[in-house]
Amino acid sequence: GDDAGVTVELTLAEAAHDAARQVRYRARVACGTCGGNGAAPGSSPAVCDRCAGRGQVRVTRQTFLGAAMTIAPCDKCRGRGRVVTSPCPECGGAGAISDEVAVGVEIPAGVEDGARLRLTGRGSVGEPGARPGDLYVEIRVLPDARFERHGAALVHRVRLGMAEAALGTSLKVPTVDGEDVDIAVPPGTQPGTVFK
């Protein structure tokens, strides 16, 4: 089946912790009327009379070197081995319809902007008997004016006056959780000093 993709936006605070989101997207899902086999209710796909249910046919071609035999997918059943003689009225015999799908996504703590999560088998359904595609969730972490992000570290810049740096002071500094913490700046602090 085909892959599907969605984008999820998180605040920096949400990205710092494990997050759960419900995402909605359009994908091809198995038809509820026929159960995905493409046949009308009360009937079932018949064995293909061209390939006898094998899904393959032998083709013999004449070449200048002689006869060459190849095996190819059956053109009548498209390699399935079965044909729908009475198609489902809901999906027209395709076995799948386009619908909106809702899936819960667990987003790990510390996820980076632009990260992609893959949910195996959550994309569109494939041909009968084939595995469904995957769902790719792209993460967008919204910028926060209070911080610069350097990998797993957050940087908050503070400007001090000359007197504050020379004599020392106390500052309230924001955290990603929304609580301010008090930091003591010792006398004689130099420009570019980092407090962890």
N, C-alpha and C. Protein backbone atom coordinates (compact mmCIF):
# COMPACT_ATOMS: atom_id res chain seq x y z
N GLY A 1 0.81 -1.20 0.00
CA GLY A 1 0.00 0.00 0.00
C GLY A 1 0.85 1.25 0.00
N ASP A 2 0.21 2.37 -0.24
CA ASP A 2 0.93 3.65 -0.28
C ASP A 2 1.18 4.14 1.14
N ASP A 3 2.27 4.90 1.28
CA ASP A 3 2.58 5.54 2.55
C ASP A 3 1.74 6.80 2.69
N ALA A 4 1.53 7.24 3.92
CA ALA A 4 0.81 8.48 4.20
C ALA A 4 1.69 9.33 5.09
N GLY A 5 1.42 10.63 5.14
CA GLY A 5 2.23 11.53 5.95
C GLY A 5 1.39 12.62 6.59
N VAL A 6 1.75 13.00 7.81
CA VAL A 6 1.11 14.10 8.52
C VAL A 6 2.18 14.90 9.24
N THR A 7 1.86 16.14 9.59
CA THR A 7 2.77 16.99 10.35
C THR A 7 2.12 17.31 11.69
N VAL A 8 2.91 17.22 12.75
CA VAL A 8 2.44 17.54 14.10
C VAL A 8 3.28 18.69 14.63
N GLU A 9 2.63 19.74 15.13
CA GLU A 9 3.34 20.87 15.74
C GLU A 9 3.33 20.74 17.25
N LEU A 10 4.49 20.97 17.86
CA LEU A 10 4.62 20.91 19.31
C LEU A 10 5.25 22.20 19.81
N THR A 11 4.87 22.63 20.99
CA THR A 11 5.58 23.72 21.63
C THR A 11 6.89 23.15 22.18
N LEU A 12 7.81 24.00 22.54
CA LEU A 12 9.08 23.55 23.10
C LEU A 12 8.85 22.78 24.40
N ALA A 13 7.89 23.23 25.20
CA ALA A 13 7.58 22.55 26.47
C ALA A 13 7.04 21.15 26.20
N GLU A 14 6.20 21.00 25.18
CA GLU A 14 5.67 19.67 24.84
C GLU A 14 6.78 18.76 24.33
N ALA A 15 7.71 19.32 23.54
CA ALA A 15 8.80 18.53 23.00
C ALA A 15 9.77 18.07 24.07
N ALA A 16 9.81 18.77 25.20
CA ALA A 16 10.73 18.42 26.28
C ALA A 16 10.28 17.18 27.04
N HIS A 17 9.01 16.83 26.92
CA HIS A 17 8.45 15.69 27.66
C HIS A 17 7.80 14.73 26.66
N ASP A 18 7.53 13.51 27.09
CA ASP A 18 6.77 12.59 26.25
C ASP A 18 5.42 13.23 25.95
N ALA A 19 4.98 13.10 24.71
CA ALA A 19 3.69 13.69 24.32
C ALA A 19 2.89 12.66 23.55
N ALA A 20 1.59 12.77 23.63
CA ALA A 20 0.68 11.91 22.88
C ALA A 20 -0.24 12.81 22.07
N ARG A 21 -0.40 12.49 20.81
CA ARG A 21 -1.26 13.28 19.93
C ARG A 21 -2.15 12.35 19.12
N GLN A 22 -3.34 12.81 18.83
CA GLN A 22 -4.24 12.11 17.92
C GLN A 22 -4.11 12.81 16.58
N VAL A 23 -3.74 12.09 15.52
CA VAL A 23 -3.59 12.68 14.20
C VAL A 23 -4.67 12.12 13.27
N ARG A 24 -5.11 12.96 12.35
CA ARG A 24 -6.11 12.56 11.35
C ARG A 24 -5.53 12.76 9.97
N TYR A 25 -5.80 11.80 9.09
CA TYR A 25 -5.30 11.89 7.72
C TYR A 25 -6.19 11.03 6.83
N ARG A 26 -6.13 11.26 5.53
CA ARG A 26 -6.91 10.47 4.58
C ARG A 26 -6.02 9.34 4.04
N ALA A 27 -6.62 8.16 3.97
CA ALA A 27 -5.91 6.99 3.45
C ALA A 27 -6.93 6.01 2.89
N ARG A 28 -6.45 5.09 2.09
CA ARG A 28 -7.33 4.03 1.58
C ARG A 28 -7.41 2.94 2.65
N VAL A 29 -8.64 2.61 3.03
CA VAL A 29 -8.88 1.58 4.05
C VAL A 29 -9.71 0.47 3.43
N ALA A 30 -9.66 -0.72 4.04
CA ALA A 30 -10.44 -1.85 3.54
C ALA A 30 -11.92 -1.50 3.58
N CYS A 31 -12.61 -1.83 2.53
CA CYS A 31 -14.05 -1.57 2.41
C CYS A 31 -14.79 -2.38 3.47
N GLY A 32 -15.65 -1.71 4.23
CA GLY A 32 -16.40 -2.39 5.28
C GLY A 32 -17.52 -3.27 4.75
N THR A 33 -18.01 -2.97 3.54
CA THR A 33 -19.11 -3.74 2.97
C THR A 33 -18.66 -5.12 2.51
N CYS A 34 -17.50 -5.18 1.82
CA CYS A 34 -17.04 -6.46 1.27
C CYS A 34 -15.89 -7.06 2.09
N GLY A 35 -15.43 -6.35 3.12
CA GLY A 35 -14.32 -6.86 3.92
C GLY A 35 -12.99 -6.80 3.20
N GLY A 36 -12.92 -6.03 2.11
CA GLY A 36 -11.65 -5.86 1.40
C GLY A 36 -11.45 -6.82 0.24
N ASN A 37 -12.38 -7.74 -0.02
CA ASN A 37 -12.16 -8.68 -1.14
C ASN A 37 -12.74 -8.17 -2.46
N GLY A 38 -13.54 -7.10 -2.45
CA GLY A 38 -14.05 -6.50 -3.68
C GLY A 38 -15.34 -7.11 -4.20
N ALA A 39 -15.79 -8.21 -3.60
CA ALA A 39 -17.00 -8.88 -4.08
C ALA A 39 -18.23 -8.38 -3.34
N ALA A 40 -19.36 -8.36 -4.04
CA ALA A 40 -20.62 -7.92 -3.43
C ALA A 40 -20.98 -8.85 -2.28
N PRO A 41 -21.70 -8.32 -1.27
CA PRO A 41 -22.12 -9.18 -0.16
C PRO A 41 -22.90 -10.40 -0.67
N GLY A 42 -22.60 -11.56 -0.11
CA GLY A 42 -23.23 -12.81 -0.53
C GLY A 42 -22.49 -13.53 -1.64
N SER A 43 -21.45 -12.90 -2.19
CA SER A 43 -20.65 -13.56 -3.24
C SER A 43 -19.19 -13.51 -2.81
N SER A 44 -18.37 -14.19 -3.56
CA SER A 44 -16.94 -14.17 -3.26
C SER A 44 -16.17 -14.19 -4.58
N PRO A 45 -14.91 -13.75 -4.57
CA PRO A 45 -14.13 -13.78 -5.81
C PRO A 45 -13.99 -15.22 -6.33
N ALA A 46 -14.07 -15.35 -7.64
CA ALA A 46 -13.96 -16.67 -8.28
C ALA A 46 -12.51 -16.93 -8.70
N VAL A 47 -12.17 -18.21 -8.81
CA VAL A 47 -10.83 -18.58 -9.27
C VAL A 47 -10.70 -18.14 -10.72
N CYS A 48 -9.59 -17.52 -11.04
CA CYS A 48 -9.34 -17.03 -12.40
C CYS A 48 -9.23 -18.22 -13.36
N ASP A 49 -10.03 -18.16 -14.45
CA ASP A 49 -10.01 -19.26 -15.40
C ASP A 49 -8.81 -19.20 -16.35
N ARG A 50 -8.15 -18.07 -16.42
CA ARG A 50 -7.00 -17.95 -17.32
C ARG A 50 -5.74 -18.59 -16.71
N CYS A 51 -5.50 -18.37 -15.40
CA CYS A 51 -4.29 -18.89 -14.77
C CYS A 51 -4.58 -20.02 -13.77
N ALA A 52 -5.85 -20.41 -13.65
CA ALA A 52 -6.29 -21.47 -12.75
C ALA A 52 -5.93 -21.14 -11.28
N GLY A 53 -5.95 -19.85 -10.94
CA GLY A 53 -5.71 -19.44 -9.56
C GLY A 53 -4.25 -19.29 -9.18
N ARG A 54 -3.34 -19.52 -10.12
CA ARG A 54 -1.91 -19.40 -9.79
C ARG A 54 -1.42 -17.96 -9.80
N GLY A 55 -2.10 -17.08 -10.52
CA GLY A 55 -1.69 -15.69 -10.61
C GLY A 55 -0.59 -15.45 -11.63
N GLN A 56 -0.12 -16.51 -12.27
CA GLN A 56 0.94 -16.41 -13.27
C GLN A 56 0.55 -17.20 -14.51
N VAL A 57 1.03 -16.73 -15.65
CA VAL A 57 0.83 -17.45 -16.91
C VAL A 57 2.18 -17.61 -17.60
N ARG A 58 2.28 -18.69 -18.37
CA ARG A 58 3.50 -18.92 -19.16
C ARG A 58 3.27 -18.35 -20.55
N VAL A 59 4.22 -17.55 -20.97
CA VAL A 59 4.12 -16.91 -22.28
C VAL A 59 5.28 -17.42 -23.13
N THR A 60 4.95 -17.95 -24.31
CA THR A 60 5.98 -18.43 -25.23
C THR A 60 6.08 -17.46 -26.39
N ARG A 61 7.28 -17.01 -26.64
CA ARG A 61 7.53 -16.08 -27.76
C ARG A 61 8.57 -16.69 -28.68
N GLN A 62 8.38 -16.44 -29.93
CA GLN A 62 9.35 -16.90 -30.92
C GLN A 62 10.40 -15.80 -31.13
N THR A 63 11.64 -16.17 -31.01
CA THR A 63 12.74 -15.24 -31.27
C THR A 63 13.59 -15.83 -32.39
N PHE A 64 14.56 -15.09 -32.87
CA PHE A 64 15.42 -15.60 -33.93
C PHE A 64 16.28 -16.77 -33.44
N LEU A 65 16.38 -16.94 -32.11
CA LEU A 65 17.13 -18.08 -31.55
C LEU A 65 16.23 -19.29 -31.28
N GLY A 66 14.91 -19.09 -31.42
CA GLY A 66 13.97 -20.17 -31.13
C GLY A 66 12.90 -19.68 -30.18
N ALA A 67 12.19 -20.61 -29.58
CA ALA A 67 11.11 -20.27 -28.66
C ALA A 67 11.68 -19.92 -27.29
N ALA A 68 11.14 -18.84 -26.70
CA ALA A 68 11.55 -18.43 -25.36
C ALA A 68 10.30 -18.38 -24.48
N MET A 69 10.36 -19.08 -23.35
CA MET A 69 9.21 -19.11 -22.47
C MET A 69 9.51 -18.26 -21.23
N THR A 70 8.57 -17.40 -20.88
CA THR A 70 8.69 -16.59 -19.67
C THR A 70 7.43 -16.75 -18.83
N ILE A 71 7.58 -16.46 -17.55
CA ILE A 71 6.43 -16.48 -16.65
C ILE A 71 6.12 -15.04 -16.28
N ALA A 72 4.85 -14.65 -16.45
CA ALA A 72 4.43 -13.27 -16.19
C ALA A 72 3.16 -13.28 -15.34
N PRO A 73 2.89 -12.18 -14.64
CA PRO A 73 1.63 -12.10 -13.90
C PRO A 73 0.45 -12.20 -14.85
N CYS A 74 -0.59 -12.86 -14.42
CA CYS A 74 -1.79 -13.03 -15.24
C CYS A 74 -2.42 -11.66 -15.50
N ASP A 75 -2.74 -11.37 -16.76
CA ASP A 75 -3.31 -10.07 -17.10
C ASP A 75 -4.80 -9.98 -16.78
N LYS A 76 -5.46 -11.11 -16.58
CA LYS A 76 -6.89 -11.07 -16.27
C LYS A 76 -7.13 -10.79 -14.78
N CYS A 77 -6.40 -11.47 -13.91
CA CYS A 77 -6.59 -11.28 -12.46
C CYS A 77 -5.52 -10.39 -11.84
N ARG A 78 -4.57 -9.89 -12.66
CA ARG A 78 -3.47 -9.04 -12.21
C ARG A 78 -2.63 -9.71 -11.13
N GLY A 79 -2.44 -11.01 -11.28
CA GLY A 79 -1.56 -11.75 -10.38
C GLY A 79 -2.20 -12.19 -9.08
N ARG A 80 -3.49 -11.94 -8.90
CA ARG A 80 -4.15 -12.30 -7.64
C ARG A 80 -4.62 -13.75 -7.60
N GLY A 81 -4.90 -14.33 -8.77
CA GLY A 81 -5.42 -15.69 -8.82
C GLY A 81 -6.92 -15.76 -8.71
N ARG A 82 -7.56 -14.64 -8.41
CA ARG A 82 -9.03 -14.60 -8.28
C ARG A 82 -9.55 -13.35 -8.99
N VAL A 83 -10.77 -13.47 -9.50
CA VAL A 83 -11.41 -12.34 -10.18
C VAL A 83 -12.76 -12.09 -9.53
N VAL A 84 -13.15 -10.82 -9.48
CA VAL A 84 -14.44 -10.43 -8.92
C VAL A 84 -15.44 -10.39 -10.05
N THR A 85 -16.43 -11.28 -9.98
CA THR A 85 -17.45 -11.32 -11.04
C THR A 85 -18.65 -10.44 -10.68
N SER A 86 -18.89 -10.26 -9.38
CA SER A 86 -19.98 -9.42 -8.91
C SER A 86 -19.39 -8.37 -7.97
N PRO A 87 -19.02 -7.17 -8.50
CA PRO A 87 -18.31 -6.18 -7.67
C PRO A 87 -19.16 -5.59 -6.55
N CYS A 88 -18.48 -5.23 -5.49
CA CYS A 88 -19.11 -4.60 -4.33
C CYS A 88 -19.65 -3.23 -4.74
N PRO A 89 -20.90 -2.90 -4.36
CA PRO A 89 -21.44 -1.60 -4.75
C PRO A 89 -20.76 -0.42 -4.06
N GLU A 90 -20.14 -0.65 -2.90
CA GLU A 90 -19.50 0.44 -2.15
C GLU A 90 -18.15 0.84 -2.76
N CYS A 91 -17.30 -0.14 -3.07
CA CYS A 91 -15.95 0.16 -3.56
C CYS A 91 -15.76 -0.14 -5.04
N GLY A 92 -16.79 -0.65 -5.71
CA GLY A 92 -16.69 -0.94 -7.14
C GLY A 92 -15.76 -2.10 -7.45
N GLY A 93 -15.51 -2.97 -6.48
CA GLY A 93 -14.64 -4.13 -6.70
C GLY A 93 -13.19 -3.90 -6.33
N ALA A 94 -12.86 -2.67 -5.92
CA ALA A 94 -11.46 -2.37 -5.58
C ALA A 94 -11.06 -2.96 -4.23
N GLY A 95 -12.02 -3.15 -3.34
CA GLY A 95 -11.72 -3.69 -2.01
C GLY A 95 -11.28 -2.63 -1.01
N ALA A 96 -11.16 -1.38 -1.44
CA ALA A 96 -10.71 -0.30 -0.55
C ALA A 96 -11.41 0.99 -0.93
N ILE A 97 -11.59 1.85 0.07
CA ILE A 97 -12.18 3.17 -0.15
C ILE A 97 -11.31 4.21 0.56
N SER A 98 -11.40 5.45 0.11
CA SER A 98 -10.66 6.53 0.76
C SER A 98 -11.48 7.03 1.94
N ASP A 99 -10.85 7.14 3.11
CA ASP A 99 -11.56 7.54 4.31
C ASP A 99 -10.61 8.30 5.23
N GLU A 100 -11.18 9.01 6.21
CA GLU A 100 -10.35 9.70 7.20
C GLU A 100 -10.01 8.71 8.32
N VAL A 101 -8.75 8.68 8.69
CA VAL A 101 -8.25 7.76 9.70
C VAL A 101 -7.72 8.57 10.88
N ALA A 102 -7.98 8.10 12.10
CA ALA A 102 -7.44 8.74 13.30
C ALA A 102 -6.54 7.75 14.02
N VAL A 103 -5.32 8.19 14.36
CA VAL A 103 -4.34 7.32 15.01
C VAL A 103 -3.69 8.09 16.15
N GLY A 104 -3.48 7.41 17.27
CA GLY A 104 -2.75 8.00 18.38
C GLY A 104 -1.25 7.84 18.16
N VAL A 105 -0.49 8.91 18.38
CA VAL A 105 0.95 8.90 18.16
C VAL A 105 1.65 9.24 19.47
N GLU A 106 2.60 8.40 19.87
CA GLU A 106 3.42 8.66 21.05
C GLU A 106 4.71 9.33 20.59
N ILE A 107 4.96 10.54 21.08
CA ILE A 107 6.13 11.31 20.67
C ILE A 107 7.13 11.31 21.82
N PRO A 108 8.35 10.84 21.58
CA PRO A 108 9.32 10.74 22.69
C PRO A 108 9.83 12.11 23.13
N ALA A 109 10.24 12.19 24.40
CA ALA A 109 10.77 13.42 24.97
C ALA A 109 12.05 13.82 24.25
N GLY A 110 12.26 15.12 24.08
CA GLY A 110 13.48 15.63 23.48
C GLY A 110 13.52 15.55 21.97
N VAL A 111 12.37 15.34 21.34
CA VAL A 111 12.33 15.21 19.88
C VAL A 111 12.79 16.51 19.23
N GLU A 112 13.55 16.38 18.16
CA GLU A 112 14.09 17.54 17.44
C GLU A 112 13.10 18.02 16.38
N ASP A 113 13.20 19.29 16.02
CA ASP A 113 12.41 19.84 14.93
C ASP A 113 12.81 19.14 13.64
N GLY A 114 11.83 18.71 12.85
CA GLY A 114 12.11 18.03 11.58
C GLY A 114 12.25 16.52 11.71
N ALA A 115 12.16 15.98 12.93
CA ALA A 115 12.26 14.53 13.10
C ALA A 115 11.05 13.86 12.45
N ARG A 116 11.25 12.62 11.99
CA ARG A 116 10.16 11.84 11.37
C ARG A 116 9.99 10.54 12.13
N LEU A 117 8.77 10.27 12.53
CA LEU A 117 8.43 9.01 13.18
C LEU A 117 7.72 8.13 12.15
N ARG A 118 8.01 6.84 12.16
CA ARG A 118 7.37 5.91 11.23
C ARG A 118 6.48 4.95 11.99
N LEU A 119 5.21 4.90 11.61
CA LEU A 119 4.27 3.95 12.19
C LEU A 119 3.99 2.90 11.13
N THR A 120 4.58 1.73 11.31
CA THR A 120 4.50 0.66 10.31
C THR A 120 3.06 0.16 10.16
N GLY A 121 2.64 0.03 8.90
CA GLY A 121 1.32 -0.53 8.60
C GLY A 121 0.15 0.39 8.82
N ARG A 122 0.39 1.70 9.03
CA ARG A 122 -0.70 2.65 9.28
C ARG A 122 -1.03 3.50 8.06
N GLY A 123 -0.42 3.20 6.90
CA GLY A 123 -0.73 3.94 5.68
C GLY A 123 -1.93 3.33 4.97
N SER A 124 -2.00 3.51 3.66
CA SER A 124 -3.11 2.97 2.88
C SER A 124 -2.97 1.46 2.71
N VAL A 125 -4.12 0.79 2.63
CA VAL A 125 -4.09 -0.66 2.40
C VAL A 125 -3.58 -0.94 1.00
N GLY A 126 -2.96 -2.09 0.83
CA GLY A 126 -2.46 -2.49 -0.47
C GLY A 126 -3.45 -3.39 -1.17
N GLU A 127 -2.98 -4.04 -2.21
CA GLU A 127 -3.78 -5.05 -2.89
C GLU A 127 -4.11 -6.16 -1.90
N PRO A 128 -5.20 -6.91 -2.12
CA PRO A 128 -5.50 -8.01 -1.20
C PRO A 128 -4.29 -8.94 -1.04
N GLY A 129 -3.94 -9.18 0.20
CA GLY A 129 -2.79 -10.04 0.50
C GLY A 129 -1.49 -9.28 0.66
N ALA A 130 -1.45 -8.01 0.24
CA ALA A 130 -0.22 -7.21 0.37
C ALA A 130 -0.29 -6.42 1.67
N ARG A 131 0.89 -6.05 2.19
CA ARG A 131 0.89 -5.31 3.45
C ARG A 131 0.57 -3.84 3.20
N PRO A 132 -0.06 -3.18 4.19
CA PRO A 132 -0.37 -1.75 4.03
C PRO A 132 0.90 -0.91 4.10
N GLY A 133 0.79 0.32 3.62
CA GLY A 133 1.92 1.25 3.68
C GLY A 133 2.14 1.75 5.10
N ASP A 134 3.09 2.65 5.25
CA ASP A 134 3.45 3.20 6.57
C ASP A 134 2.95 4.63 6.69
N LEU A 135 2.82 5.09 7.92
CA LEU A 135 2.48 6.49 8.20
C LEU A 135 3.73 7.18 8.71
N TYR A 136 4.09 8.30 8.11
CA TYR A 136 5.24 9.10 8.54
C TYR A 136 4.71 10.37 9.20
N VAL A 137 5.15 10.59 10.45
CA VAL A 137 4.73 11.76 11.21
C VAL A 137 5.93 12.69 11.32
N GLU A 138 5.82 13.86 10.69
CA GLU A 138 6.90 14.85 10.75
C GLU A 138 6.62 15.79 11.91
N ILE A 139 7.65 16.00 12.74
CA ILE A 139 7.51 16.83 13.94
C ILE A 139 8.03 18.23 13.67
N ARG A 140 7.23 19.22 14.01
CA ARG A 140 7.64 20.62 13.94
C ARG A 140 7.60 21.17 15.36
N VAL A 141 8.76 21.58 15.88
CA VAL A 141 8.83 22.18 17.21
C VAL A 141 8.82 23.69 17.01
N LEU A 142 7.80 24.32 17.57
CA LEU A 142 7.64 25.76 17.39
C LEU A 142 8.72 26.52 18.17
N PRO A 143 9.21 27.62 17.62
CA PRO A 143 10.24 28.39 18.33
C PRO A 143 9.69 29.02 19.61
N ASP A 144 10.55 29.18 20.58
CA ASP A 144 10.21 29.82 21.85
C ASP A 144 11.16 31.01 22.01
N ALA A 145 10.59 32.21 22.09
CA ALA A 145 11.41 33.43 22.14
C ALA A 145 12.34 33.47 23.35
N ARG A 146 12.04 32.69 24.39
CA ARG A 146 12.85 32.73 25.62
C ARG A 146 14.14 31.93 25.49
N PHE A 147 14.19 30.97 24.56
CA PHE A 147 15.32 30.04 24.52
C PHE A 147 15.89 29.86 23.12
N GLU A 148 17.17 29.51 23.09
CA GLU A 148 17.81 28.97 21.89
C GLU A 148 18.06 27.50 22.20
N ARG A 149 17.85 26.65 21.21
CA ARG A 149 18.05 25.22 21.44
C ARG A 149 19.35 24.78 20.79
N HIS A 150 20.20 24.13 21.57
CA HIS A 150 21.45 23.55 21.07
C HIS A 150 21.43 22.07 21.42
N GLY A 151 20.85 21.25 20.53
CA GLY A 151 20.70 19.82 20.82
C GLY A 151 19.73 19.64 21.97
N ALA A 152 20.18 19.00 23.06
CA ALA A 152 19.32 18.77 24.22
C ALA A 152 19.37 19.94 25.20
N ALA A 153 20.26 20.91 24.98
CA ALA A 153 20.43 22.04 25.91
C ALA A 153 19.62 23.24 25.43
N LEU A 154 19.09 23.99 26.40
CA LEU A 154 18.41 25.24 26.11
C LEU A 154 19.24 26.38 26.68
N VAL A 155 19.34 27.47 25.93
CA VAL A 155 20.12 28.63 26.35
C VAL A 155 19.19 29.83 26.47
N HIS A 156 19.25 30.48 27.63
CA HIS A 156 18.50 31.72 27.86
C HIS A 156 19.54 32.82 28.10
N ARG A 157 19.52 33.84 27.28
CA ARG A 157 20.52 34.92 27.39
C ARG A 157 19.98 36.05 28.27
N VAL A 158 20.86 36.56 29.12
CA VAL A 158 20.50 37.66 30.03
C VAL A 158 21.53 38.78 29.86
N ARG A 159 21.03 40.02 29.80
CA ARG A 159 21.93 41.18 29.74
C ARG A 159 22.00 41.81 31.13
N LEU A 160 23.21 42.04 31.58
CA LEU A 160 23.43 42.67 32.88
C LEU A 160 24.11 44.01 32.68
N GLY A 161 23.78 44.94 33.56
CA GLY A 161 24.49 46.21 33.56
C GLY A 161 25.89 46.02 34.16
N MET A 162 26.77 46.96 33.92
CA MET A 162 28.14 46.90 34.44
C MET A 162 28.16 46.78 35.95
N ALA A 163 27.31 47.54 36.63
CA ALA A 163 27.28 47.51 38.10
C ALA A 163 26.78 46.15 38.60
N GLU A 164 25.78 45.57 37.95
CA GLU A 164 25.25 44.27 38.39
C GLU A 164 26.31 43.18 38.25
N ALA A 165 27.05 43.21 37.13
CA ALA A 165 28.09 42.21 36.92
C ALA A 165 29.24 42.40 37.91
N ALA A 166 29.58 43.65 38.21
CA ALA A 166 30.70 43.91 39.11
C ALA A 166 30.35 43.61 40.57
N LEU A 167 29.15 43.97 40.99
CA LEU A 167 28.76 43.84 42.39
C LEU A 167 28.00 42.54 42.70
N GLY A 168 27.51 41.85 41.65
CA GLY A 168 26.70 40.64 41.84
C GLY A 168 25.24 40.98 41.98
N THR A 169 24.39 40.04 41.63
CA THR A 169 22.95 40.27 41.71
C THR A 169 22.23 38.93 41.75
N SER A 170 20.93 38.97 41.81
CA SER A 170 20.09 37.77 41.77
C SER A 170 19.13 37.92 40.59
N LEU A 171 18.94 36.85 39.84
CA LEU A 171 18.08 36.89 38.65
C LEU A 171 17.01 35.82 38.74
N LYS A 172 15.87 36.10 38.10
CA LYS A 172 14.85 35.07 37.89
C LYS A 172 14.98 34.63 36.44
N VAL A 173 15.17 33.32 36.25
CA VAL A 173 15.38 32.77 34.90
C VAL A 173 14.25 31.78 34.59
N PRO A 174 13.63 31.89 33.39
CA PRO A 174 12.54 30.96 33.05
C PRO A 174 13.07 29.56 32.74
N THR A 175 12.22 28.57 32.97
CA THR A 175 12.54 27.19 32.57
C THR A 175 11.51 26.77 31.54
N VAL A 176 11.77 25.67 30.87
CA VAL A 176 10.86 25.20 29.83
C VAL A 176 9.52 24.78 30.42
N ASP A 177 9.50 24.42 31.71
CA ASP A 177 8.25 24.02 32.36
C ASP A 177 7.39 25.20 32.78
N GLY A 178 7.90 26.42 32.62
CA GLY A 178 7.12 27.60 32.96
C GLY A 178 7.41 28.19 34.32
N GLU A 179 8.19 27.51 35.14
CA GLU A 179 8.53 28.04 36.46
C GLU A 179 9.84 28.81 36.38
N ASP A 180 9.89 29.96 37.07
CA ASP A 180 11.13 30.72 37.13
C ASP A 180 11.99 30.20 38.27
N VAL A 181 13.30 30.21 38.06
CA VAL A 181 14.23 29.80 39.12
C VAL A 181 15.14 30.99 39.44
N ASP A 182 15.57 31.07 40.68
CA ASP A 182 16.47 32.14 41.10
C ASP A 182 17.92 31.71 40.88
N ILE A 183 18.70 32.60 40.30
CA ILE A 183 20.13 32.33 40.09
C ILE A 183 20.91 33.49 40.71
N ALA A 184 21.91 33.14 41.49
CA ALA A 184 22.78 34.16 42.10
C ALA A 184 23.95 34.41 41.16
N VAL A 185 24.12 35.66 40.77
CA VAL A 185 25.25 36.05 39.92
C VAL A 185 26.32 36.61 40.85
N PRO A 186 27.47 35.95 40.97
CA PRO A 186 28.50 36.42 41.91
C PRO A 186 29.17 37.71 41.43
N PRO A 187 29.74 38.47 42.37
CA PRO A 187 30.46 39.70 41.99
C PRO A 187 31.62 39.36 41.04
N GLY A 188 31.85 40.24 40.08
CA GLY A 188 32.96 40.07 39.14
C GLY A 188 32.65 39.13 37.99
N THR A 189 31.39 38.85 37.73
CA THR A 189 31.01 37.97 36.63
C THR A 189 31.40 38.60 35.30
N GLN A 190 32.04 37.79 34.45
CA GLN A 190 32.53 38.28 33.17
C GLN A 190 31.49 38.05 32.05
N PRO A 191 31.54 38.85 30.96
CA PRO A 191 30.63 38.62 29.83
C PRO A 191 30.83 37.21 29.26
N GLY A 192 29.73 36.58 28.88
CA GLY A 192 29.79 35.24 28.30
C GLY A 192 29.80 34.13 29.31
N THR A 193 29.75 34.43 30.61
CA THR A 193 29.73 33.41 31.63
C THR A 193 28.46 32.56 31.50
N VAL A 194 28.61 31.25 31.61
CA VAL A 194 27.47 30.34 31.49
C VAL A 194 27.14 29.74 32.84
N PHE A 195 25.90 29.86 33.28
CA PHE A 195 25.44 29.21 34.51
C PHE A 195 24.56 28.03 34.09
N LYS A 196 24.85 26.86 34.60
CA LYS A 196 24.13 25.65 34.19
C LYS A 196 23.09 25.29 35.26
